[in-house]
């Protein structure tokens, strides 16, 4: 039971990191698309 909850915690952490990274990349892409003059 202990290891199972630890596994779930690890999975949630990895998922949150992946989601955060993908959203950050999407934000950068949107900024580049909306502000082409700055780049």
PDB file of N, CA and C in Angstrom:
ATOM      1  N   UNK A   1       0.853  -1.206   0.000  1.00  0.00           N
ATOM      2  CA  UNK A   1       0.000   0.000   0.000  1.00  0.00           C
ATOM      3  C   UNK A   1       0.886   1.253   0.000  1.00  0.00           C
ATOM      4  N   UNK A   2       1.940   1.207   0.800  1.00  0.00           N
ATOM      5  CA  UNK A   2       2.815   2.368   0.898  1.00  0.00           C
ATOM      6  C   UNK A   2       3.465   2.665  -0.454  1.00  0.00           C
ATOM      7  N   UNK A   3       3.984   1.603  -1.077  1.00  0.00           N
ATOM      8  CA  UNK A   3       4.673   1.798  -2.362  1.00  0.00           C
ATOM      9  C   UNK A   3       3.684   2.228  -3.448  1.00  0.00           C
ATOM     10  N   UNK A   4       2.451   1.737  -3.339  1.00  0.00           N
ATOM     11  CA  UNK A   4       1.451   2.098  -4.348  1.00  0.00           C
ATOM     12  C   UNK A   4       1.147   3.595  -4.287  1.00  0.00           C
ATOM     13  N   UNK A   5       0.967   4.126  -3.092  1.00  0.00           N
ATOM     14  CA  UNK A   5       0.683   5.562  -2.964  1.00  0.00           C
ATOM     15  C   UNK A   5       1.888   6.374  -3.423  1.00  0.00           C
ATOM     16  N   UNK A   6       3.086   5.859  -3.147  1.00  0.00           N
ATOM     17  CA  UNK A   6       4.291   6.571  -3.587  1.00  0.00           C
ATOM     18  C   UNK A   6       4.347   6.587  -5.108  1.00  0.00           C
ATOM     19  N   UNK A   7       3.952   5.459  -5.723  1.00  0.00           N
ATOM     20  CA  UNK A   7       3.946   5.378  -7.183  1.00  0.00           C
ATOM     21  C   UNK A   7       2.954   6.392  -7.755  1.00  0.00           C
ATOM     22  N   UNK A   8       1.770   6.483  -7.144  1.00  0.00           N
ATOM     23  CA  UNK A   8       0.770   7.443  -7.623  1.00  0.00           C
ATOM     24  C   UNK A   8       1.293   8.868  -7.484  1.00  0.00           C
ATOM     25  N   UNK A   9       1.976   9.145  -6.376  1.00  0.00           N
ATOM     26  CA  UNK A   9       2.524  10.483  -6.163  1.00  0.00           C
ATOM     27  C   UNK A   9       3.551  10.800  -7.240  1.00  0.00           C
ATOM     28  N   UNK A  10       4.410   9.828  -7.537  1.00  0.00           N
ATOM     29  CA  UNK A  10       5.431  10.038  -8.564  1.00  0.00           C
ATOM     30  C   UNK A  10       4.789  10.299  -9.918  1.00  0.00           C
ATOM     31  N   UNK A  11       3.751   9.524 -10.235  1.00  0.00           N
ATOM     32  CA  UNK A  11       3.064   9.693 -11.522  1.00  0.00           C
ATOM     33  C   UNK A  11       2.421  11.077 -11.612  1.00  0.00           C
ATOM     34  N   UNK A  12       1.793  11.518 -10.532  1.00  0.00           N
ATOM     35  CA  UNK A  12       1.139  12.831 -10.559  1.00  0.00           C
ATOM     36  C   UNK A  12       2.172  13.944 -10.714  1.00  0.00           C
ATOM     37  N   UNK A  13       3.324  13.786 -10.058  1.00  0.00           N
ATOM     38  CA  UNK A  13       4.381  14.800 -10.167  1.00  0.00           C
ATOM     39  C   UNK A  13       4.892  14.872 -11.601  1.00  0.00           C
ATOM     40  N   UNK A  14       5.134  13.697 -12.197  1.00  0.00           N
ATOM     41  CA  UNK A  14       5.633  13.671 -13.579  1.00  0.00           C
ATOM     42  C   UNK A  14       4.605  14.276 -14.528  1.00  0.00           C
ATOM     43  N   UNK A  15       3.346  13.947 -14.322  1.00  0.00           N
ATOM     44  CA  UNK A  15       2.294  14.483 -15.189  1.00  0.00           C
ATOM     45  C   UNK A  15       2.203  16.001 -15.053  1.00  0.00           C
ATOM     46  N   UNK A  16       2.280  16.500 -13.825  1.00  0.00           N
ATOM     47  CA  UNK A  16       2.193  17.948 -13.617  1.00  0.00           C
ATOM     48  C   UNK A  16       3.374  18.654 -14.270  1.00  0.00           C
ATOM     49  N   UNK A  17       4.558  18.041 -14.199  1.00  0.00           N
ATOM     50  CA  UNK A  17       5.742  18.646 -14.823  1.00  0.00           C
ATOM     51  C   UNK A  17       5.569  18.676 -16.343  1.00  0.00           C
ATOM     52  N   UNK A  18       5.074  17.577 -16.897  1.00  0.00           N
ATOM     53  CA  UNK A  18       4.880  17.516 -18.354  1.00  0.00           C
ATOM     54  C   UNK A  18       3.846  18.546 -18.793  1.00  0.00           C
ATOM     55  N   UNK A  19       2.748  18.642 -18.042  1.00  0.00           N
ATOM     56  CA  UNK A  19       1.690  19.599 -18.390  1.00  0.00           C
ATOM     57  C   UNK A  19       2.219  21.030 -18.281  1.00  0.00           C
ATOM     58  N   UNK A  20       2.978  21.302 -17.234  1.00  0.00           N
ATOM     59  CA  UNK A  20       3.538  22.641 -17.056  1.00  0.00           C
ATOM     60  C   UNK A  20       4.490  22.999 -18.189  1.00  0.00           C
ATOM     61  N   UNK A  21       5.332  22.041 -18.578  1.00  0.00           N
ATOM     62  CA  UNK A  21       6.295  22.301 -19.651  1.00  0.00           C
ATOM     63  C   UNK A  21       5.569  22.537 -20.970  1.00  0.00           C
ATOM     64  N   UNK A  22       4.566  21.704 -21.270  1.00  0.00           N
ATOM     65  CA  UNK A  22       3.844  21.844 -22.531  1.00  0.00           C
ATOM     66  C   UNK A  22       3.065  23.157 -22.563  1.00  0.00           C
ATOM     67  N   UNK A  23       2.482  23.549 -21.431  1.00  0.00           N
ATOM     68  CA  UNK A  23       1.730  24.807 -21.395  1.00  0.00           C
ATOM     69  C   UNK A  23       2.679  25.991 -21.541  1.00  0.00           C
ATOM     70  N   UNK A  24       3.875  25.887 -20.958  1.00  0.00           N
ATOM     71  CA  UNK A  24       4.857  26.964 -21.084  1.00  0.00           C
ATOM     72  C   UNK A  24       5.297  27.095 -22.541  1.00  0.00           C
ATOM     73  N   UNK A  25       5.522  25.954 -23.204  1.00  0.00           N
ATOM     74  CA  UNK A  25       5.912  25.993 -24.615  1.00  0.00           C
ATOM     75  C   UNK A  25       4.781  26.575 -25.451  1.00  0.00           C
ATOM     76  N   UNK A  26       3.544  26.207 -25.127  1.00  0.00           N
ATOM     77  CA  UNK A  26       2.401  26.736 -25.869  1.00  0.00           C
ATOM     78  C   UNK A  26       2.301  28.246 -25.672  1.00  0.00           C
ATOM     79  N   UNK A  27       2.571  28.706 -24.442  1.00  0.00           N
ATOM     80  CA  UNK A  27       2.518  30.148 -24.178  1.00  0.00           C
ATOM     81  C   UNK A  27       3.580  30.869 -24.996  1.00  0.00           C
ATOM     82  N   UNK A  28       4.791  30.306 -25.042  1.00  0.00           N
ATOM     83  CA  UNK A  28       5.850  30.938 -25.834  1.00  0.00           C
ATOM     84  C   UNK A  28       5.454  30.983 -27.306  1.00  0.00           C
ATOM     85  N   UNK A  29       4.851  29.894 -27.798  1.00  0.00           N
ATOM     86  CA  UNK A  29       4.433  29.844 -29.199  1.00  0.00           C
ATOM     87  C   UNK A  29       3.379  30.910 -29.470  1.00  0.00           C
ATOM     88  N   UNK A  30       2.430  31.066 -28.528  1.00  0.00           N
ATOM     89  CA  UNK A  30       1.372  32.066 -28.709  1.00  0.00           C
ATOM     90  C   UNK A  30       1.970  33.467 -28.699  1.00  0.00           C
ATOM     91  N   UNK A  31       2.919  33.697 -27.800  1.00  0.00           N
ATOM     92  CA  UNK A  31       3.569  35.017 -27.742  1.00  0.00           C
ATOM     93  C   UNK A  31       4.315  35.293 -29.040  1.00  0.00           C
ATOM     94  N   UNK A  32       5.005  34.285 -29.567  1.00  0.00           N
ATOM     95  CA  UNK A  32       5.740  34.480 -30.822  1.00  0.00           C
ATOM     96  C   UNK A  32       4.774  34.756 -31.969  1.00  0.00           C
ATOM     97  N   UNK A  33       3.607  34.103 -31.944  1.00  0.00           N
ATOM     98  CA  UNK A  33       2.639  34.301 -33.028  1.00  0.00           C
ATOM     99  C   UNK A  33       1.973  35.672 -32.924  1.00  0.00           C
ATOM    100  N   UNK A  34       1.690  36.101 -31.693  1.00  0.00           N
ATOM    101  CA  UNK A  34       0.972  37.368 -31.528  1.00  0.00           C
ATOM    102  C   UNK A  34       1.916  38.563 -31.597  1.00  0.00           C
ATOM    103  N   UNK A  35       3.189  38.364 -31.235  1.00  0.00           N
ATOM    104  CA  UNK A  35       4.156  39.463 -31.266  1.00  0.00           C
ATOM    105  C   UNK A  35       5.347  39.091 -32.142  1.00  0.00           C
ATOM    106  N   UNK A  36       5.173  39.094 -33.458  1.00  0.00           N
ATOM    107  CA  UNK A  36       6.281  38.727 -34.344  1.00  0.00           C
ATOM    108  C   UNK A  36       7.327  39.832 -34.453  1.00  0.00           C
ATOM    109  N   UNK A  37       6.984  41.047 -34.055  1.00  0.00           N
ATOM    110  CA  UNK A  37       7.919  42.170 -34.187  1.00  0.00           C
ATOM    111  C   UNK A  37       9.073  42.047 -33.189  1.00  0.00           C
ATOM    112  N   UNK A  38       8.786  41.535 -31.990  1.00  0.00           N
ATOM    113  CA  UNK A  38       9.805  41.481 -30.936  1.00  0.00           C
ATOM    114  C   UNK A  38      10.904  40.486 -31.282  1.00  0.00           C
ATOM    115  N   UNK A  39      10.545  39.352 -31.876  1.00  0.00           N
ATOM    116  CA  UNK A  39      11.549  38.314 -32.121  1.00  0.00           C
ATOM    117  C   UNK A  39      12.481  38.691 -33.274  1.00  0.00           C
TER     118      UNK A  39
END
